[in-house]
Amino acid sequence: MNKITLLIALLVFSNTFGQVQKKFFVEDVKSVEYVTVNFCVNDEAKISEVTIVADKTTYGNEYNIEQLRQYLLGVQYHSDSKLKNNCYDSTFEFINNEYENKSLNAEECKACEKFKTGIYAYKHVLYQDTKIKRKRKVQREIFKDGKQIYYIKWISDCHYVLTYKKMTEPRLKHLIGKEIDVEIIDVLDDGSYVYKSKANFEDKTDFGIIKKIK
């Protein structure tokens, strides 16, 4: 059984929701899987309820999911936390532990040349309705309420940089001109690829899967 007890013990929670640790490297997934929970914070700034959101959860290890749920039930935020007396959805990622430090070699990178153009979709429970249209120099991401446009610069067949060009969401306008460095770290049998990305305006690394549709 692949336990994550020690990983959970290292989590650092604060009264800022965005700082919650959400990634776990485990042995029992082929690529990336997700667990979405709805948690409620009471008047004492303590998480009092945690419910699994089944239709936004793909990870199947019930033991690890329960470990995560029990840990969250022990979280105590600062007494002045703005999270008090409300409920929130939060999605946790369970990532193949080989991906933490994985890169493709020069020969393996050749298989990524086909990803420079085409139509794609995220294999993420929160972005299932987003469609990606990629040309050699421009990438458009289209979703229900708008779109985001990036310049795309290929450093190699498995490494590219996205630069924010246009955002339809006013709250994201400040990102125009900022960059996301993306490395393809695995190519899957179904035509998808696993990526690792890091934005130059955030101190975190993201992992995900993008599937080529055509």
C-alpha atoms as a PDB file:
ATOM      1  CA  MET A   1       0.000   0.000   0.000  1.00  0.00           C
ATOM      2  CA  ASN A   2       1.404   3.335  -1.000  1.00  0.00           C
ATOM      3  CA  LYS A   3       1.065   5.558   2.058  1.00  0.00           C
ATOM      4  CA  ILE A   4       1.363   9.325   1.958  1.00  0.00           C
ATOM      5  CA  THR A   5       1.271   9.904   5.717  1.00  0.00           C
ATOM      6  CA  LEU A   6       4.800  11.315   5.832  1.00  0.00           C
ATOM      7  CA  LEU A   7       4.126  13.578   2.856  1.00  0.00           C
ATOM      8  CA  ILE A   8       0.986  14.942   4.461  1.00  0.00           C
ATOM      9  CA  ALA A   9       2.872  15.629   7.682  1.00  0.00           C
ATOM     10  CA  LEU A  10       5.111  18.010   5.746  1.00  0.00           C
ATOM     11  CA  LEU A  11       2.267  20.140   4.428  1.00  0.00           C
ATOM     12  CA  VAL A  12       2.262  23.776   5.441  1.00  0.00           C
ATOM     13  CA  PHE A  13      -1.105  25.487   5.633  1.00  0.00           C
ATOM     14  CA  SER A  14      -1.630  29.202   6.192  1.00  0.00           C
ATOM     15  CA  ASN A  15      -4.563  31.557   6.191  1.00  0.00           C
ATOM     16  CA  THR A  16      -3.923  32.208   2.492  1.00  0.00           C
ATOM     17  CA  PHE A  17      -5.829  29.576   0.511  1.00  0.00           C
ATOM     18  CA  GLY A  18      -3.446  29.699  -2.457  1.00  0.00           C
ATOM     19  CA  GLN A  19      -0.508  28.541  -0.314  1.00  0.00           C
ATOM     20  CA  VAL A  20      -1.928  25.104   0.461  1.00  0.00           C
ATOM     21  CA  GLN A  21       0.333  22.264  -0.705  1.00  0.00           C
ATOM     22  CA  LYS A  22      -1.576  20.389  -3.390  1.00  0.00           C
ATOM     23  CA  LYS A  23       0.895  17.989  -5.019  1.00  0.00           C
ATOM     24  CA  PHE A  24       1.919  14.494  -3.932  1.00  0.00           C
ATOM     25  CA  PHE A  25       4.438  12.260  -5.721  1.00  0.00           C
ATOM     26  CA  VAL A  26       3.277   8.641  -5.415  1.00  0.00           C
ATOM     27  CA  GLU A  27       3.993   5.223  -6.939  1.00  0.00           C
ATOM     28  CA  ASP A  28       0.484   4.059  -7.745  1.00  0.00           C
ATOM     29  CA  VAL A  29      -0.413   6.316 -10.696  1.00  0.00           C
ATOM     30  CA  LYS A  30       0.747   6.033 -14.323  1.00  0.00           C
ATOM     31  CA  SER A  31       0.882   9.790 -14.855  1.00  0.00           C
ATOM     32  CA  VAL A  32      -1.258  12.361 -13.007  1.00  0.00           C
ATOM     33  CA  GLU A  33      -4.537  11.827 -11.138  1.00  0.00           C
ATOM     34  CA  TYR A  34      -6.742  14.196  -9.146  1.00  0.00           C
ATOM     35  CA  VAL A  35      -8.703  14.369  -5.899  1.00  0.00           C
ATOM     36  CA  THR A  36     -11.147  17.238  -5.453  1.00  0.00           C
ATOM     37  CA  VAL A  37     -12.605  17.953  -2.033  1.00  0.00           C
ATOM     38  CA  ASN A  38     -15.079  20.434  -0.669  1.00  0.00           C
ATOM     39  CA  PHE A  39     -14.022  21.620   2.781  1.00  0.00           C
ATOM     40  CA  CYS A  40     -15.767  23.897   5.239  1.00  0.00           C
ATOM     41  CA  VAL A  41     -14.083  26.194   7.765  1.00  0.00           C
ATOM     42  CA  ASN A  42     -16.010  26.952  10.965  1.00  0.00           C
ATOM     43  CA  ASP A  43     -16.122  30.069  13.137  1.00  0.00           C
ATOM     44  CA  GLU A  44     -13.022  28.886  15.020  1.00  0.00           C
ATOM     45  CA  ALA A  45     -11.047  28.854  11.732  1.00  0.00           C
ATOM     46  CA  LYS A  46     -10.814  25.059  11.785  1.00  0.00           C
ATOM     47  CA  ILE A  47     -11.746  22.731   8.933  1.00  0.00           C
ATOM     48  CA  SER A  48     -14.838  20.959  10.207  1.00  0.00           C
ATOM     49  CA  GLU A  49     -16.083  19.077   7.132  1.00  0.00           C
ATOM     50  CA  VAL A  50     -14.322  17.467   4.158  1.00  0.00           C
ATOM     51  CA  THR A  51     -16.302  15.839   1.364  1.00  0.00           C
ATOM     52  CA  ILE A  52     -14.862  14.168  -1.737  1.00  0.00           C
ATOM     53  CA  VAL A  53     -16.228  15.599  -4.988  1.00  0.00           C
ATOM     54  CA  ALA A  54     -16.585  12.356  -6.931  1.00  0.00           C
ATOM     55  CA  ASP A  55     -17.150  13.790 -10.421  1.00  0.00           C
ATOM     56  CA  LYS A  56     -13.902  15.789 -10.165  1.00  0.00           C
ATOM     57  CA  THR A  57     -11.809  12.954  -8.693  1.00  0.00           C
ATOM     58  CA  THR A  58      -9.859  10.417 -10.770  1.00  0.00           C
ATOM     59  CA  TYR A  59      -7.441   8.983  -8.177  1.00  0.00           C
ATOM     60  CA  GLY A  60      -8.587   5.602  -6.906  1.00  0.00           C
ATOM     61  CA  ASN A  61      -6.487   4.843  -3.819  1.00  0.00           C
ATOM     62  CA  GLU A  62      -9.124   5.067  -1.088  1.00  0.00           C
ATOM     63  CA  TYR A  63      -6.591   4.675   1.711  1.00  0.00           C
ATOM     64  CA  ASN A  64      -4.554   7.669   0.579  1.00  0.00           C
ATOM     65  CA  ILE A  65      -7.680   9.718  -0.053  1.00  0.00           C
ATOM     66  CA  GLU A  66      -8.858   9.036   3.501  1.00  0.00           C
ATOM     67  CA  GLN A  67      -5.416   9.995   4.846  1.00  0.00           C
ATOM     68  CA  LEU A  68      -5.726  13.306   3.027  1.00  0.00           C
ATOM     69  CA  ARG A  69      -9.255  13.849   4.304  1.00  0.00           C
ATOM     70  CA  GLN A  70      -8.303  13.116   7.921  1.00  0.00           C
ATOM     71  CA  TYR A  71      -5.348  15.465   7.715  1.00  0.00           C
ATOM     72  CA  LEU A  72      -7.504  18.292   6.400  1.00  0.00           C
ATOM     73  CA  LEU A  73      -9.908  17.752   9.292  1.00  0.00           C
ATOM     74  CA  GLY A  74      -7.011  18.584  11.611  1.00  0.00           C
ATOM     75  CA  VAL A  75      -6.109  21.870   9.932  1.00  0.00           C
ATOM     76  CA  GLN A  76      -6.383  24.998  12.071  1.00  0.00           C
ATOM     77  CA  TYR A  77      -6.083  28.354  10.305  1.00  0.00           C
ATOM     78  CA  HIS A  78      -5.191  31.664  11.941  1.00  0.00           C
ATOM     79  CA  SER A  79      -7.961  33.119  14.077  1.00  0.00           C
ATOM     80  CA  ASP A  80      -8.401  36.081  11.695  1.00  0.00           C
ATOM     81  CA  SER A  81      -8.540  33.922   8.558  1.00  0.00           C
ATOM     82  CA  LYS A  82     -10.890  35.139   5.850  1.00  0.00           C
ATOM     83  CA  LEU A  83     -11.763  31.511   5.164  1.00  0.00           C
ATOM     84  CA  LYS A  84     -13.967  31.258   8.257  1.00  0.00           C
ATOM     85  CA  ASN A  85     -17.631  30.313   7.957  1.00  0.00           C
ATOM     86  CA  ASN A  86     -17.510  29.217   4.353  1.00  0.00           C
ATOM     87  CA  CYS A  87     -16.875  26.173   2.156  1.00  0.00           C
ATOM     88  CA  TYR A  88     -14.444  25.769  -0.717  1.00  0.00           C
ATOM     89  CA  ASP A  89     -13.470  23.300  -3.448  1.00  0.00           C
ATOM     90  CA  SER A  90      -9.805  22.356  -3.695  1.00  0.00           C
ATOM     91  CA  THR A  91      -8.125  19.930  -6.109  1.00  0.00           C
ATOM     92  CA  PHE A  92      -5.059  17.880  -5.136  1.00  0.00           C
ATOM     93  CA  GLU A  93      -2.710  16.252  -7.647  1.00  0.00           C
ATOM     94  CA  PHE A  94      -1.218  12.762  -7.271  1.00  0.00           C
ATOM     95  CA  ILE A  95       1.767  12.546  -9.621  1.00  0.00           C
ATOM     96  CA  ASN A  96       3.922   9.603 -10.689  1.00  0.00           C
ATOM     97  CA  ASN A  97       7.030   9.987  -8.519  1.00  0.00           C
ATOM     98  CA  GLU A  98       9.311   9.384 -11.495  1.00  0.00           C
ATOM     99  CA  TYR A  99       8.134  12.694 -12.972  1.00  0.00           C
ATOM    100  CA  GLU A 100       9.585  14.831 -10.200  1.00  0.00           C
ATOM    101  CA  ASN A 101      13.039  14.833 -11.814  1.00  0.00           C
ATOM    102  CA  LYS A 102      12.292  13.323 -15.223  1.00  0.00           C
ATOM    103  CA  SER A 103      13.453  14.792 -18.556  1.00  0.00           C
ATOM    104  CA  LEU A 104      13.515  13.377 -22.082  1.00  0.00           C
ATOM    105  CA  ASN A 105      16.830  12.760 -23.786  1.00  0.00           C
ATOM    106  CA  ALA A 106      17.617  14.072 -27.256  1.00  0.00           C
ATOM    107  CA  GLU A 107      16.361  10.932 -29.004  1.00  0.00           C
ATOM    108  CA  GLU A 108      13.115  10.829 -26.994  1.00  0.00           C
ATOM    109  CA  CYS A 109      12.523  14.517 -27.720  1.00  0.00           C
ATOM    110  CA  LYS A 110      12.155  13.785 -31.415  1.00  0.00           C
ATOM    111  CA  ALA A 111       8.757  12.225 -30.687  1.00  0.00           C
ATOM    112  CA  CYS A 112       7.518  15.636 -29.487  1.00  0.00           C
ATOM    113  CA  GLU A 113       7.941  17.431 -32.816  1.00  0.00           C
ATOM    114  CA  LYS A 114       4.338  16.542 -33.668  1.00  0.00           C
ATOM    115  CA  PHE A 115       3.104  18.671 -30.788  1.00  0.00           C
ATOM    116  CA  LYS A 116       4.146  21.974 -32.333  1.00  0.00           C
ATOM    117  CA  THR A 117       0.803  22.447 -34.106  1.00  0.00           C
ATOM    118  CA  GLY A 118      -2.727  21.094 -33.774  1.00  0.00           C
ATOM    119  CA  ILE A 119      -5.746  21.091 -31.503  1.00  0.00           C
ATOM    120  CA  TYR A 120      -5.444  19.893 -27.908  1.00  0.00           C
ATOM    121  CA  ALA A 121      -7.311  19.500 -24.638  1.00  0.00           C
ATOM    122  CA  TYR A 122      -6.193  19.427 -21.019  1.00  0.00           C
ATOM    123  CA  LYS A 123      -6.687  16.119 -19.187  1.00  0.00           C
ATOM    124  CA  HIS A 124      -7.440  17.965 -15.959  1.00  0.00           C
ATOM    125  CA  VAL A 125     -10.683  17.687 -14.025  1.00  0.00           C
ATOM    126  CA  LEU A 126     -10.974  21.493 -13.792  1.00  0.00           C
ATOM    127  CA  TYR A 127     -10.182  22.343 -17.416  1.00  0.00           C
ATOM    128  CA  GLN A 128     -12.077  19.725 -19.387  1.00  0.00           C
ATOM    129  CA  ASP A 129     -13.899  22.361 -21.452  1.00  0.00           C
ATOM    130  CA  THR A 130     -10.754  24.247 -22.506  1.00  0.00           C
ATOM    131  CA  LYS A 131      -9.661  23.783 -26.122  1.00  0.00           C
ATOM    132  CA  ILE A 132      -6.090  24.579 -27.173  1.00  0.00           C
ATOM    133  CA  LYS A 133      -5.369  25.690 -30.749  1.00  0.00           C
ATOM    134  CA  ARG A 134      -1.642  25.758 -31.450  1.00  0.00           C
ATOM    135  CA  LYS A 135       0.261  27.125 -34.415  1.00  0.00           C
ATOM    136  CA  ARG A 136       4.019  27.439 -34.704  1.00  0.00           C
ATOM    137  CA  LYS A 137       4.144  30.851 -33.021  1.00  0.00           C
ATOM    138  CA  VAL A 138       0.759  31.341 -31.357  1.00  0.00           C
ATOM    139  CA  GLN A 139      -1.294  29.287 -28.899  1.00  0.00           C
ATOM    140  CA  ARG A 140      -4.956  30.054 -28.168  1.00  0.00           C
ATOM    141  CA  GLU A 141      -6.814  28.570 -25.204  1.00  0.00           C
ATOM    142  CA  ILE A 142     -10.578  28.890 -25.565  1.00  0.00           C
ATOM    143  CA  PHE A 143     -13.022  28.198 -22.741  1.00  0.00           C
ATOM    144  CA  LYS A 144     -16.628  28.973 -21.829  1.00  0.00           C
ATOM    145  CA  ASP A 145     -16.146  32.526 -20.596  1.00  0.00           C
ATOM    146  CA  GLY A 146     -13.300  33.728 -22.785  1.00  0.00           C
ATOM    147  CA  LYS A 147      -9.870  32.966 -24.157  1.00  0.00           C
ATOM    148  CA  GLN A 148      -6.164  33.429 -23.543  1.00  0.00           C
ATOM    149  CA  ILE A 149      -3.611  33.974 -26.296  1.00  0.00           C
ATOM    150  CA  TYR A 150       0.099  33.251 -25.965  1.00  0.00           C
ATOM    151  CA  TYR A 151       3.162  33.591 -28.114  1.00  0.00           C
ATOM    152  CA  ILE A 152       4.850  30.183 -28.199  1.00  0.00           C
ATOM    153  CA  LYS A 153       8.592  29.820 -28.708  1.00  0.00           C
ATOM    154  CA  TRP A 154      10.087  26.362 -29.121  1.00  0.00           C
ATOM    155  CA  ILE A 155      13.503  25.955 -27.513  1.00  0.00           C
ATOM    156  CA  SER A 156      13.674  22.314 -28.614  1.00  0.00           C
ATOM    157  CA  ASP A 157      11.192  19.637 -29.676  1.00  0.00           C
ATOM    158  CA  CYS A 158      10.272  19.040 -26.014  1.00  0.00           C
ATOM    159  CA  HIS A 159      10.757  22.497 -24.502  1.00  0.00           C
ATOM    160  CA  TYR A 160       8.768  25.662 -25.179  1.00  0.00           C
ATOM    161  CA  VAL A 161       8.035  29.039 -23.611  1.00  0.00           C
ATOM    162  CA  LEU A 162       4.569  30.614 -23.516  1.00  0.00           C
ATOM    163  CA  THR A 163       4.316  34.405 -23.253  1.00  0.00           C
ATOM    164  CA  TYR A 164       0.956  35.927 -22.342  1.00  0.00           C
ATOM    165  CA  LYS A 165      -0.248  38.057 -25.258  1.00  0.00           C
ATOM    166  CA  LYS A 166      -3.967  38.680 -24.647  1.00  0.00           C
ATOM    167  CA  MET A 167      -6.418  37.873 -21.852  1.00  0.00           C
ATOM    168  CA  THR A 168     -10.194  38.355 -21.982  1.00  0.00           C
ATOM    169  CA  GLU A 169     -10.444  38.155 -18.176  1.00  0.00           C
ATOM    170  CA  PRO A 170      -9.783  41.639 -16.722  1.00  0.00           C
ATOM    171  CA  ARG A 171      -8.323  40.193 -13.506  1.00  0.00           C
ATOM    172  CA  LEU A 172      -5.531  38.556 -15.521  1.00  0.00           C
ATOM    173  CA  LYS A 173      -4.472  41.547 -17.605  1.00  0.00           C
ATOM    174  CA  HIS A 174      -1.417  42.026 -15.384  1.00  0.00           C
ATOM    175  CA  LEU A 175       0.013  38.757 -16.733  1.00  0.00           C
ATOM    176  CA  ILE A 176       0.491  40.098 -20.271  1.00  0.00           C
ATOM    177  CA  GLY A 177       4.197  39.819 -21.160  1.00  0.00           C
ATOM    178  CA  LYS A 178       4.951  37.246 -18.455  1.00  0.00           C
ATOM    179  CA  GLU A 179       6.273  33.791 -19.355  1.00  0.00           C
ATOM    180  CA  ILE A 180       5.650  30.125 -18.581  1.00  0.00           C
ATOM    181  CA  ASP A 181       8.506  27.697 -19.226  1.00  0.00           C
ATOM    182  CA  VAL A 182       7.150  24.290 -20.284  1.00  0.00           C
ATOM    183  CA  GLU A 183       9.051  20.998 -20.622  1.00  0.00           C
ATOM    184  CA  ILE A 184       7.509  17.837 -22.080  1.00  0.00           C
ATOM    185  CA  ILE A 185       8.682  15.008 -19.817  1.00  0.00           C
ATOM    186  CA  ASP A 186       6.748  12.006 -21.170  1.00  0.00           C
ATOM    187  CA  VAL A 187       4.767  10.956 -24.244  1.00  0.00           C
ATOM    188  CA  LEU A 188       1.852   8.617 -23.538  1.00  0.00           C
ATOM    189  CA  ASP A 189       0.387   5.889 -25.751  1.00  0.00           C
ATOM    190  CA  ASP A 190      -2.921   7.723 -26.276  1.00  0.00           C
ATOM    191  CA  GLY A 191      -1.308  10.704 -27.987  1.00  0.00           C
ATOM    192  CA  SER A 192      -1.038  12.782 -24.823  1.00  0.00           C
ATOM    193  CA  TYR A 193       2.053  14.301 -23.277  1.00  0.00           C
ATOM    194  CA  VAL A 194       2.980  15.017 -19.676  1.00  0.00           C
ATOM    195  CA  TYR A 195       4.427  18.458 -19.059  1.00  0.00           C
ATOM    196  CA  LYS A 196       6.229  20.240 -16.256  1.00  0.00           C
ATOM    197  CA  SER A 197       5.893  24.024 -16.188  1.00  0.00           C
ATOM    198  CA  LYS A 198       7.129  26.960 -14.169  1.00  0.00           C
ATOM    199  CA  ALA A 199       5.965  30.565 -14.525  1.00  0.00           C
ATOM    200  CA  ASN A 200       8.447  33.391 -14.062  1.00  0.00           C
ATOM    201  CA  PHE A 201       6.010  35.117 -11.701  1.00  0.00           C
ATOM    202  CA  GLU A 202       5.340  32.179  -9.339  1.00  0.00           C
ATOM    203  CA  ASP A 203       7.567  30.062  -7.135  1.00  0.00           C
ATOM    204  CA  LYS A 204       6.052  26.691  -7.963  1.00  0.00           C
ATOM    205  CA  THR A 205       6.237  23.913 -10.547  1.00  0.00           C
ATOM    206  CA  ASP A 206       3.086  22.557 -12.161  1.00  0.00           C
ATOM    207  CA  PHE A 207       2.500  19.166 -13.794  1.00  0.00           C
ATOM    208  CA  GLY A 208      -0.255  18.161 -16.175  1.00  0.00           C
ATOM    209  CA  ILE A 209      -1.320  16.247 -19.262  1.00  0.00           C
ATOM    210  CA  ILE A 210      -2.320  17.616 -22.662  1.00  0.00           C
ATOM    211  CA  LYS A 211      -3.944  15.388 -25.282  1.00  0.00           C
ATOM    212  CA  LYS A 212      -3.679  16.030 -29.011  1.00  0.00           C
ATOM    213  CA  ILE A 213      -7.101  15.825 -30.642  1.00  0.00           C
ATOM    214  CA  LYS A 214      -6.007  16.522 -34.222  1.00  0.00           C
END
